C-alpha atoms as a PDB file:
ATOM      1  CA  MET A   1     -55.860  87.316-104.173  1.00  0.00           C
ATOM      2  CA  ALA A   2     -57.355  88.028-100.641  1.00  0.00           C
ATOM      3  CA  LYS A   3     -55.509  86.914 -97.504  1.00  0.00           C
ATOM      4  CA  ASN A   4     -56.211  83.594 -95.338  1.00  0.00           C
ATOM      5  CA  MET A   5     -58.395  82.643 -98.264  1.00  0.00           C
ATOM      6  CA  LYS A   6     -59.786  79.047 -97.530  1.00  0.00           C
ATOM      7  CA  ASN A   7     -61.766  76.201 -99.373  1.00  0.00           C
ATOM      8  CA  GLY A   8     -62.850  74.378 -96.421  1.00  0.00           C
ATOM      9  CA  CYS A   9     -65.723  72.214 -94.761  1.00  0.00           C
ATOM     10  CA  VAL A  10     -66.633  71.262 -91.320  1.00  0.00           C
ATOM     11  CA  LYS A  11     -68.403  68.579 -90.162  1.00  0.00           C
ATOM     12  CA  ILE A  12     -72.012  68.778 -88.627  1.00  0.00           C
ATOM     13  CA  ASP A  13     -73.192  66.053 -86.750  1.00  0.00           C
ATOM     14  CA  ASP A  14     -72.875  62.603 -89.304  1.00  0.00           C
ATOM     15  CA  THR A  15     -72.648  65.023 -92.403  1.00  0.00           C
ATOM     16  CA  ASP A  16     -70.393  68.184 -92.759  1.00  0.00           C
ATOM     17  CA  MET A  17     -70.979  72.116 -94.540  1.00  0.00           C
ATOM     18  CA  TYR A  18     -68.647  73.746 -97.131  1.00  0.00           C
ATOM     19  CA  TYR A  19     -68.025  77.336 -96.284  1.00  0.00           C
ATOM     20  CA  VAL A  20     -65.186  79.375 -97.876  1.00  0.00           C
ATOM     21  CA  SER A  21     -63.392  82.007 -95.913  1.00  0.00           C
ATOM     22  CA  PHE A  22     -61.405  85.423 -96.360  1.00  0.00           C
ATOM     23  CA  GLY A  23     -59.349  88.199 -94.395  1.00  0.00           C
ATOM     24  CA  GLN A  24     -56.823  88.713 -91.481  1.00  0.00           C
ATOM     25  CA  GLY A  25     -59.339  90.298 -89.049  1.00  0.00           C
ATOM     26  CA  PRO A  26     -60.537  89.190 -85.886  1.00  0.00           C
ATOM     27  CA  LYS A  27     -63.783  90.722 -86.317  1.00  0.00           C
ATOM     28  CA  LYS A  28     -66.119  88.047 -87.755  1.00  0.00           C
ATOM     29  CA  LEU A  29     -68.903  88.020 -90.635  1.00  0.00           C
ATOM     30  CA  VAL A  30     -70.873  85.392 -91.021  1.00  0.00           C
ATOM     31  CA  VAL A  31     -72.452  85.771 -94.553  1.00  0.00           C
ATOM     32  CA  LEU A  32     -75.647  82.910 -95.587  1.00  0.00           C
ATOM     33  CA  PRO A  33     -76.064  82.765 -99.018  1.00  0.00           C
ATOM     34  CA  GLY A  34     -80.504  82.561-100.383  1.00  0.00           C
ATOM     35  CA  LEU A  35     -82.186  79.321-102.151  1.00  0.00           C
ATOM     36  CA  SER A  36     -79.744  79.214-104.908  1.00  0.00           C
ATOM     37  CA  ASP A  37     -77.119  77.506-102.396  1.00  0.00           C
ATOM     38  CA  GLY A  38     -79.690  74.748-103.236  1.00  0.00           C
ATOM     39  CA  LEU A  39     -78.348  74.573-107.404  1.00  0.00           C
ATOM     40  CA  ALA A  40     -75.076  75.352-106.500  1.00  0.00           C
ATOM     41  CA  THR A  41     -72.502  75.131-103.210  1.00  0.00           C
ATOM     42  CA  VAL A  42     -69.806  77.518-101.925  1.00  0.00           C
ATOM     43  CA  LYS A  43     -67.681  74.820-102.212  1.00  0.00           C
ATOM     44  CA  GLY A  44     -64.061  75.962-104.351  1.00  0.00           C
ATOM     45  CA  LYS A  45     -65.319  79.189-104.783  1.00  0.00           C
ATOM     46  CA  ALA A  46     -62.768  81.747-102.580  1.00  0.00           C
ATOM     47  CA  PHE A  47     -61.109  83.854-104.747  1.00  0.00           C
ATOM     48  CA  LEU A  48     -64.793  84.632-107.061  1.00  0.00           C
ATOM     49  CA  LEU A  49     -66.280  85.428-103.802  1.00  0.00           C
ATOM     50  CA  SER A  50     -64.436  87.018-101.497  1.00  0.00           C
ATOM     51  CA  THR A  51     -64.234  90.349-104.571  1.00  0.00           C
ATOM     52  CA  SER A  52     -67.731  91.849-103.203  1.00  0.00           C
ATOM     53  CA  TYR A  53     -65.702  91.672 -99.426  1.00  0.00           C
ATOM     54  CA  LYS A  54     -62.737  93.707-100.687  1.00  0.00           C
ATOM     55  CA  ARG A  55     -63.459  97.071 -97.858  1.00  0.00           C
ATOM     56  CA  PHE A  56     -63.675  93.821 -95.198  1.00  0.00           C
ATOM     57  CA  MET A  57     -60.211  91.652 -95.572  1.00  0.00           C
ATOM     58  CA  LYS A  58     -58.061  94.341 -93.685  1.00  0.00           C
ATOM     59  CA  ASP A  59     -60.737  94.129 -90.296  1.00  0.00           C
ATOM     60  CA  HIS A  60     -62.713  90.909 -90.682  1.00  0.00           C
ATOM     61  CA  THR A  61     -61.924  87.773 -91.627  1.00  0.00           C
ATOM     62  CA  VAL A  62     -65.639  86.563 -93.500  1.00  0.00           C
ATOM     63  CA  TYR A  63     -67.253  83.641 -93.488  1.00  0.00           C
ATOM     64  CA  ILE A  64     -69.934  82.360 -96.536  1.00  0.00           C
ATOM     65  CA  PHE A  65     -71.619  79.113 -95.816  1.00  0.00           C
ATOM     66  CA  SER A  66     -73.425  76.662 -97.696  1.00  0.00           C
ATOM     67  CA  ARG A  67     -76.843  74.416 -96.104  1.00  0.00           C
ATOM     68  CA  LYS A  68     -74.905  70.927 -95.228  1.00  0.00           C
ATOM     69  CA  ASN A  69     -74.805  68.679 -97.378  1.00  0.00           C
ATOM     70  CA  ASP A  70     -77.138  65.595 -96.068  1.00  0.00           C
ATOM     71  CA  MET A  71     -80.004  67.522 -95.502  1.00  0.00           C
ATOM     72  CA  PRO A  72     -82.947  65.202 -94.193  1.00  0.00           C
ATOM     73  CA  GLU A  73     -86.730  65.092 -95.549  1.00  0.00           C
ATOM     74  CA  GLY A  74     -89.079  68.010 -93.901  1.00  0.00           C
ATOM     75  CA  TYR A  75     -85.392  69.771 -93.243  1.00  0.00           C
ATOM     76  CA  THR A  76     -86.931  72.950 -91.470  1.00  0.00           C
ATOM     77  CA  ILE A  77     -85.240  77.018 -91.477  1.00  0.00           C
ATOM     78  CA  ARG A  78     -85.300  76.708 -87.463  1.00  0.00           C
ATOM     79  CA  GLN A  79     -82.865  73.246 -88.218  1.00  0.00           C
ATOM     80  CA  MET A  80     -80.420  75.414 -90.698  1.00  0.00           C
ATOM     81  CA  ALA A  81     -80.056  77.770 -88.205  1.00  0.00           C
ATOM     82  CA  GLU A  82     -79.081  75.131 -85.798  1.00  0.00           C
ATOM     83  CA  ASP A  83     -77.144  74.284 -87.675  1.00  0.00           C
ATOM     84  CA  GLN A  84     -75.241  76.815 -88.903  1.00  0.00           C
ATOM     85  CA  ALA A  85     -74.558  77.749 -84.783  1.00  0.00           C
ATOM     86  CA  LYS A  86     -73.033  74.332 -85.145  1.00  0.00           C
ATOM     87  CA  ALA A  87     -70.328  74.845 -88.251  1.00  0.00           C
ATOM     88  CA  MET A  88     -69.858  78.355 -85.869  1.00  0.00           C
ATOM     89  CA  LYS A  89     -68.412  76.915 -83.251  1.00  0.00           C
ATOM     90  CA  ALA A  90     -66.857  74.478 -84.692  1.00  0.00           C
ATOM     91  CA  LEU A  91     -65.198  77.194 -86.068  1.00  0.00           C
ATOM     92  CA  GLY A  92     -64.698  78.989 -83.068  1.00  0.00           C
ATOM     93  CA  ILE A  93     -66.705  81.611 -84.099  1.00  0.00           C
ATOM     94  CA  ASP A  94     -68.734  82.128 -80.726  1.00  0.00           C
ATOM     95  CA  LYS A  95     -69.647  86.031 -81.878  1.00  0.00           C
ATOM     96  CA  ALA A  96     -70.144  87.145 -85.408  1.00  0.00           C
ATOM     97  CA  ASP A  97     -71.758  89.700 -87.353  1.00  0.00           C
ATOM     98  CA  VAL A  98     -74.371  87.915 -89.555  1.00  0.00           C
ATOM     99  CA  LEU A  99     -75.780  88.892 -93.060  1.00  0.00           C
ATOM    100  CA  GLY A 100     -78.422  87.151 -94.308  1.00  0.00           C
ATOM    101  CA  VAL A 101     -79.922  87.414 -98.289  1.00  0.00           C
ATOM    102  CA  SER A 102     -82.907  85.791 -98.905  1.00  0.00           C
ATOM    103  CA  GLN A 103     -83.028  82.160 -97.743  1.00  0.00           C
ATOM    104  CA  GLY A 104     -80.156  82.766 -96.042  1.00  0.00           C
ATOM    105  CA  GLY A 105     -81.949  85.987 -94.037  1.00  0.00           C
ATOM    106  CA  MET A 106     -85.063  83.352 -92.580  1.00  0.00           C
ATOM    107  CA  ILE A 107     -82.116  81.304 -91.071  1.00  0.00           C
ATOM    108  CA  SER A 108     -80.290  84.658 -90.161  1.00  0.00           C
ATOM    109  CA  GLN A 109     -83.650  85.611 -88.019  1.00  0.00           C
ATOM    110  CA  TYR A 110     -84.148  82.084 -86.047  1.00  0.00           C
ATOM    111  CA  LEU A 111     -79.827  82.350 -85.631  1.00  0.00           C
ATOM    112  CA  ALA A 112     -80.831  86.023 -83.819  1.00  0.00           C
ATOM    113  CA  ILE A 113     -83.660  84.525 -82.297  1.00  0.00           C
ATOM    114  CA  ASP A 114     -82.724  80.847 -80.486  1.00  0.00           C
ATOM    115  CA  HIS A 115     -78.512  81.775 -80.532  1.00  0.00           C
ATOM    116  CA  PRO A 116     -78.594  85.457 -79.261  1.00  0.00           C
ATOM    117  CA  GLN A 117     -75.234  85.222 -77.760  1.00  0.00           C
ATOM    118  CA  MET A 118     -73.047  84.211 -81.435  1.00  0.00           C
ATOM    119  CA  VAL A 119     -75.100  87.539 -83.010  1.00  0.00           C
ATOM    120  CA  GLU A 120     -72.982  90.552 -82.540  1.00  0.00           C
ATOM    121  CA  LYS A 121     -75.069  92.571 -85.323  1.00  0.00           C
ATOM    122  CA  LEU A 122     -77.471  91.353 -88.015  1.00  0.00           C
ATOM    123  CA  ILE A 123     -78.401  92.347 -91.359  1.00  0.00           C
ATOM    124  CA  LEU A 124     -80.742  90.927 -93.254  1.00  0.00           C
ATOM    125  CA  ALA A 125     -80.919  91.827 -97.256  1.00  0.00           C
ATOM    126  CA  VAL A 126     -83.934  91.287 -99.356  1.00  0.00           C
ATOM    127  CA  THR A 127     -86.429  88.727 -97.621  1.00  0.00           C
ATOM    128  CA  ALA A 128     -89.035  88.308 -94.398  1.00  0.00           C
ATOM    129  CA  PRO A 129     -90.336  87.315 -92.055  1.00  0.00           C
ATOM    130  CA  ASN A 130     -92.303  83.995 -93.490  1.00  0.00           C
ATOM    131  CA  ALA A 131     -93.872  82.516 -96.419  1.00  0.00           C
ATOM    132  CA  ASN A 132     -96.203  85.383 -97.392  1.00  0.00           C
ATOM    133  CA  THR A 133     -98.342  84.929-100.850  1.00  0.00           C
ATOM    134  CA  VAL A 134     -95.670  86.185-102.996  1.00  0.00           C
ATOM    135  CA  VAL A 135     -92.635  83.973-101.119  1.00  0.00           C
ATOM    136  CA  LYS A 136     -95.311  81.055-101.859  1.00  0.00           C
ATOM    137  CA  ASP A 137     -96.004  82.145-105.316  1.00  0.00           C
ATOM    138  CA  ALA A 138     -92.253  82.291-106.604  1.00  0.00           C
ATOM    139  CA  VAL A 139     -91.170  79.466-105.148  1.00  0.00           C
ATOM    140  CA  SER A 140     -94.113  76.858-105.985  1.00  0.00           C
ATOM    141  CA  SER A 141     -93.565  77.922-108.778  1.00  0.00           C
ATOM    142  CA  TRP A 142     -90.092  77.082-109.070  1.00  0.00           C
ATOM    143  CA  ILE A 143     -90.280  73.945-107.265  1.00  0.00           C
ATOM    144  CA  ASP A 144     -92.630  72.990-110.505  1.00  0.00           C
ATOM    145  CA  MET A 145     -90.021  73.436-113.099  1.00  0.00           C
ATOM    146  CA  ALA A 146     -87.537  72.110-111.354  1.00  0.00           C
ATOM    147  CA  GLN A 147     -89.776  69.116-111.255  1.00  0.00           C
ATOM    148  CA  LYS A 148     -90.297  69.318-114.771  1.00  0.00           C
ATOM    149  CA  ASP A 149     -86.639  69.591-114.963  1.00  0.00           C
ATOM    150  CA  ASP A 150     -86.955  72.864-117.225  1.00  0.00           C
ATOM    151  CA  HIS A 151     -84.220  74.508-116.265  1.00  0.00           C
ATOM    152  CA  VAL A 152     -83.996  76.955-118.695  1.00  0.00           C
ATOM    153  CA  SER A 153     -87.628  78.555-117.444  1.00  0.00           C
ATOM    154  CA  LEU A 154     -86.430  78.173-113.920  1.00  0.00           C
ATOM    155  CA  MET A 155     -83.199  79.917-113.886  1.00  0.00           C
ATOM    156  CA  VAL A 156     -85.100  82.878-116.643  1.00  0.00           C
ATOM    157  CA  ASP A 157     -88.290  83.040-113.693  1.00  0.00           C
ATOM    158  CA  THR A 158     -85.630  83.532-110.979  1.00  0.00           C
ATOM    159  CA  ALA A 159     -84.242  86.013-112.946  1.00  0.00           C
ATOM    160  CA  GLU A 160     -87.398  87.937-113.794  1.00  0.00           C
ATOM    161  CA  LYS A 161     -88.711  87.952-110.393  1.00  0.00           C
ATOM    162  CA  MET A 162     -85.173  88.773-108.912  1.00  0.00           C
ATOM    163  CA  TYR A 163     -83.412  92.493-111.236  1.00  0.00           C
ATOM    164  CA  SER A 164     -84.621  95.990-112.240  1.00  0.00           C
ATOM    165  CA  LYS A 165     -86.409  96.497-115.001  1.00  0.00           C
ATOM    166  CA  ALA A 166     -83.147  98.530-116.823  1.00  0.00           C
ATOM    167  CA  TYR A 167     -81.073  95.051-115.925  1.00  0.00           C
ATOM    168  CA  LEU A 168     -83.219  92.973-117.224  1.00  0.00           C
ATOM    169  CA  GLU A 169     -83.889  95.230-120.798  1.00  0.00           C
ATOM    170  CA  LYS A 170     -80.041  95.211-120.899  1.00  0.00           C
ATOM    171  CA  ASN A 171     -79.103  91.270-120.058  1.00  0.00           C
ATOM    172  CA  ARG A 172     -82.345  89.206-120.552  1.00  0.00           C
ATOM    173  CA  LYS A 173     -81.305  87.985-123.554  1.00  0.00           C
ATOM    174  CA  TYR A 174     -78.386  86.064-121.642  1.00  0.00           C
ATOM    175  CA  PHE A 175     -80.708  84.268-119.271  1.00  0.00           C
ATOM    176  CA  PRO A 176     -80.941  81.035-121.394  1.00  0.00           C
ATOM    177  CA  LEU A 177     -77.377  80.804-122.624  1.00  0.00           C
ATOM    178  CA  ILE A 178     -76.022  81.243-119.064  1.00  0.00           C
ATOM    179  CA  ALA A 179     -78.675  78.127-117.623  1.00  0.00           C
ATOM    180  CA  LYS A 180     -77.564  75.559-119.496  1.00  0.00           C
ATOM    181  CA  PHE A 181     -74.438  76.061-117.944  1.00  0.00           C
ATOM    182  CA  THR A 182     -76.057  75.967-114.446  1.00  0.00           C
ATOM    183  CA  ASN A 183     -78.043  72.406-114.641  1.00  0.00           C
ATOM    184  CA  PRO A 184     -77.007  70.682-111.068  1.00  0.00           C
ATOM    185  CA  LYS A 185     -76.826  66.814-111.718  1.00  0.00           C
ATOM    186  CA  SER A 186     -79.530  66.689-108.868  1.00  0.00           C
ATOM    187  CA  TYR A 187     -82.215  69.104-108.007  1.00  0.00           C
ATOM    188  CA  ASP A 188     -83.023  67.164-104.079  1.00  0.00           C
ATOM    189  CA  ARG A 189     -80.796  70.254-102.099  1.00  0.00           C
ATOM    190  CA  PHE A 190     -82.774  72.324-104.472  1.00  0.00           C
ATOM    191  CA  PHE A 191     -86.097  70.715-103.186  1.00  0.00           C
ATOM    192  CA  LYS A 192     -84.947  70.591 -99.711  1.00  0.00           C
ATOM    193  CA  ASN A 193     -84.125  74.050 -99.230  1.00  0.00           C
ATOM    194  CA  ALA A 194     -87.203  75.732-101.102  1.00  0.00           C
ATOM    195  CA  TYR A 195     -90.421  73.600 -99.298  1.00  0.00           C
ATOM    196  CA  ALA A 196     -88.244  74.913 -95.877  1.00  0.00           C
ATOM    197  CA  ILE A 197     -88.996  78.382 -97.423  1.00  0.00           C
ATOM    198  CA  LEU A 198     -92.566  76.855 -98.127  1.00  0.00           C
ATOM    199  CA  GLY A 199     -93.289  76.058 -94.213  1.00  0.00           C
ATOM    200  CA  PHE A 200     -91.213  79.437 -93.073  1.00  0.00           C
ATOM    201  CA  ASP A 201     -92.823  81.670 -90.285  1.00  0.00           C
ATOM    202  CA  ALA A 202     -90.827  83.589 -87.638  1.00  0.00           C
ATOM    203  CA  ARG A 203     -93.834  86.656 -87.454  1.00  0.00           C
ATOM    204  CA  GLY A 204     -93.780  86.325 -83.312  1.00  0.00           C
ATOM    205  CA  GLU A 205     -90.641  85.850 -82.298  1.00  0.00           C
ATOM    206  CA  LEU A 206     -88.978  88.880 -84.101  1.00  0.00           C
ATOM    207  CA  ARG A 207     -89.696  90.423 -81.116  1.00  0.00           C
ATOM    208  CA  GLU A 208     -86.732  88.030 -79.092  1.00  0.00           C
ATOM    209  CA  ILE A 209     -84.175  89.827 -81.417  1.00  0.00           C
ATOM    210  CA  CYS A 210     -82.335  92.097 -79.189  1.00  0.00           C
ATOM    211  CA  CYS A 211     -78.775  92.515 -81.466  1.00  0.00           C
ATOM    212  CA  PRO A 212     -78.484  96.051 -83.502  1.00  0.00           C
ATOM    213  CA  THR A 213     -80.073  94.915 -86.709  1.00  0.00           C
ATOM    214  CA  LEU A 214     -80.691  96.592 -89.802  1.00  0.00           C
ATOM    215  CA  ILE A 215     -82.870  95.430 -92.861  1.00  0.00           C
ATOM    216  CA  ILE A 216     -82.045  96.439 -96.443  1.00  0.00           C
ATOM    217  CA  ALA A 217     -84.670  95.178 -99.716  1.00  0.00           C
ATOM    218  CA  GLY A 218     -85.867  96.986-102.990  1.00  0.00           C
ATOM    219  CA  GLU A 219     -88.649  99.039-103.093  1.00  0.00           C
ATOM    220  CA  ASP A 220     -89.826  96.358-106.105  1.00  0.00           C
ATOM    221  CA  ASP A 221     -89.289  93.150-104.814  1.00  0.00           C
ATOM    222  CA  ASN A 222     -90.771  90.610-107.384  1.00  0.00           C
ATOM    223  CA  THR A 223     -89.990  87.518-104.901  1.00  0.00           C
ATOM    224  CA  VAL A 224     -90.501  88.079-100.721  1.00  0.00           C
ATOM    225  CA  GLY A 225     -92.741  91.626-101.459  1.00  0.00           C
ATOM    226  CA  ASN A 226     -92.674  94.443-100.854  1.00  0.00           C
ATOM    227  CA  GLU A 227     -93.993  94.207 -97.661  1.00  0.00           C
ATOM    228  CA  ALA A 228     -91.836  91.901 -96.163  1.00  0.00           C
ATOM    229  CA  PRO A 229     -89.095  94.689 -94.979  1.00  0.00           C
ATOM    230  CA  TYR A 230     -91.870  96.561 -93.047  1.00  0.00           C
ATOM    231  CA  LEU A 231     -93.072  93.846 -91.280  1.00  0.00           C
ATOM    232  CA  LEU A 232     -89.944  93.089 -90.395  1.00  0.00           C
ATOM    233  CA  SER A 233     -88.948  96.695 -89.197  1.00  0.00           C
ATOM    234  CA  GLU A 234     -92.352  96.645 -86.867  1.00  0.00           C
ATOM    235  CA  GLY A 235     -91.608  93.501 -85.530  1.00  0.00           C
ATOM    236  CA  ILE A 236     -87.535  93.967 -84.587  1.00  0.00           C
ATOM    237  CA  LYS A 237     -87.110  96.767 -82.053  1.00  0.00           C
ATOM    238  CA  ASP A 238     -84.876  99.769 -82.482  1.00  0.00           C
ATOM    239  CA  SER A 239     -84.244  97.799 -85.811  1.00  0.00           C
ATOM    240  CA  GLU A 240     -83.274  99.790 -89.183  1.00  0.00           C
ATOM    241  CA  LEU A 241     -84.749 100.342 -92.496  1.00  0.00           C
ATOM    242  CA  PHE A 242     -83.103 101.022 -96.122  1.00  0.00           C
ATOM    243  CA  ILE A 243     -85.396 100.714 -98.927  1.00  0.00           C
ATOM    244  CA  TYR A 244     -83.646 101.110-101.734  1.00  0.00           C
ATOM    245  CA  LYS A 245     -85.578 103.286-105.173  1.00  0.00           C
ATOM    246  CA  GLY A 246     -85.900 101.272-108.421  1.00  0.00           C
ATOM    247  CA  LEU A 247     -84.613  98.070-107.507  1.00  0.00           C
ATOM    248  CA  GLY A 248     -85.673  94.508-106.132  1.00  0.00           C
ATOM    249  CA  HIS A 249     -84.458  91.313-105.305  1.00  0.00           C
ATOM    250  CA  GLY A 250     -81.165  91.707-106.646  1.00  0.00           C
ATOM    251  CA  THR A 251     -80.610  94.321-104.576  1.00  0.00           C
ATOM    252  CA  PHE A 252     -77.302  93.057-103.494  1.00  0.00           C
ATOM    253  CA  GLU A 253     -75.860  92.746-107.051  1.00  0.00           C
ATOM    254  CA  GLU A 254     -77.291  95.772-107.924  1.00  0.00           C
ATOM    255  CA  ALA A 255     -76.697  98.540-105.773  1.00  0.00           C
ATOM    256  CA  LYS A 256     -73.279  99.330-106.053  1.00  0.00           C
ATOM    257  CA  ASP A 257     -72.661 100.545-102.939  1.00  0.00           C
ATOM    258  CA  PHE A 258     -74.598  97.928-100.868  1.00  0.00           C
ATOM    259  CA  TYR A 259     -71.841  95.886 -99.672  1.00  0.00           C
ATOM    260  CA  ASP A 260     -70.354  99.956 -98.141  1.00  0.00           C
ATOM    261  CA  ARG A 261     -73.550 100.240 -96.669  1.00  0.00           C
ATOM    262  CA  ILE A 262     -72.755  96.582 -94.517  1.00  0.00           C
ATOM    263  CA  TYR A 263     -69.888  97.578 -93.716  1.00  0.00           C
ATOM    264  CA  GLU A 264     -70.544 100.767 -92.093  1.00  0.00           C
ATOM    265  CA  PHE A 265     -72.818  98.735 -90.441  1.00  0.00           C
ATOM    266  CA  CYS A 266     -70.670  96.872 -89.022  1.00  0.00           C
ATOM    267  CA  GLU A 267     -68.252  99.009 -88.330  1.00  0.00           C
ATOM    268  CA  ARG A 268     -70.840 101.563 -86.723  1.00  0.00           C
END
C-alpha cells in the first residue's frame, strides 16, 4: 500500500472538492483529470489511482483532484483553474509540478497563466489550446447522448474516439458491458464540465506560460485533433513536444512509458 495515502475533501468557498493523495516526498505533483471526472469523481480511489505513480512515491507527494462538487451554471474552464488554485492553497501546496490530462490540461493552462507562481513545471497531455472543430464535434455528440440518457452509446463512442485501432480490435466487445456498470445517477456534473469545454480558448494567452512545459500527444487523436499539440507547442515558448506514434487520446493508458516520461521531466 502506498505510504501516506489519503482520500480527502477540501473546502472551496461555499462547497468542497474531492482529492486523493499518496507518496511521501517533498516535491508536489498535482494531477487534473479529463471529462470523465464529470461522470465519476476521485472520491475513495486513492489506492486505485496510485498504481500509475509508483515511481513518484519516494520523491513526491501526488495529489489528484476532481472539480468542485457544487458547480454553477455557466462554469468556465478559467473558473475551474481559479478554484483549483484555491484548493491547492488550502492544502498548503504553494508550488507544484502540474499534470493536466485532456480537459484537465485546459484547466492547467489557465492555472499556469493566472497563477504562474504556483506552477513549477507543466505537463499537458492529450489536450488542446481551444475547443477546435474536432473537440466541439466530439463533446457535442456526447452531450446529445447524455441528454437522451443513452449511457452505453456515450461510453462506447468515448472509447472509439480514445483508443488505438489495435486496442479497439482487442477490447471493443467489452465496452457495452462495462458501460452498464458506470451509469451516473445524474448527468448534471457531466453537462457542466462538457459545456465548459465548448467555451474554452486560451490561444491568445499561451505566450504567458513561462514555466518549463512538456506536451504529450498521440499522433491520431480523434477527441482533440492532431493539430492541437502543435498549436500548444507553437504558443508556449521553449516547450517540449513528444508525439506517440500509433496512439491517440488514450495515450496515457496505452503508452507503457507515459508516466516514466513525466517522472523524468519532473526530475530533470
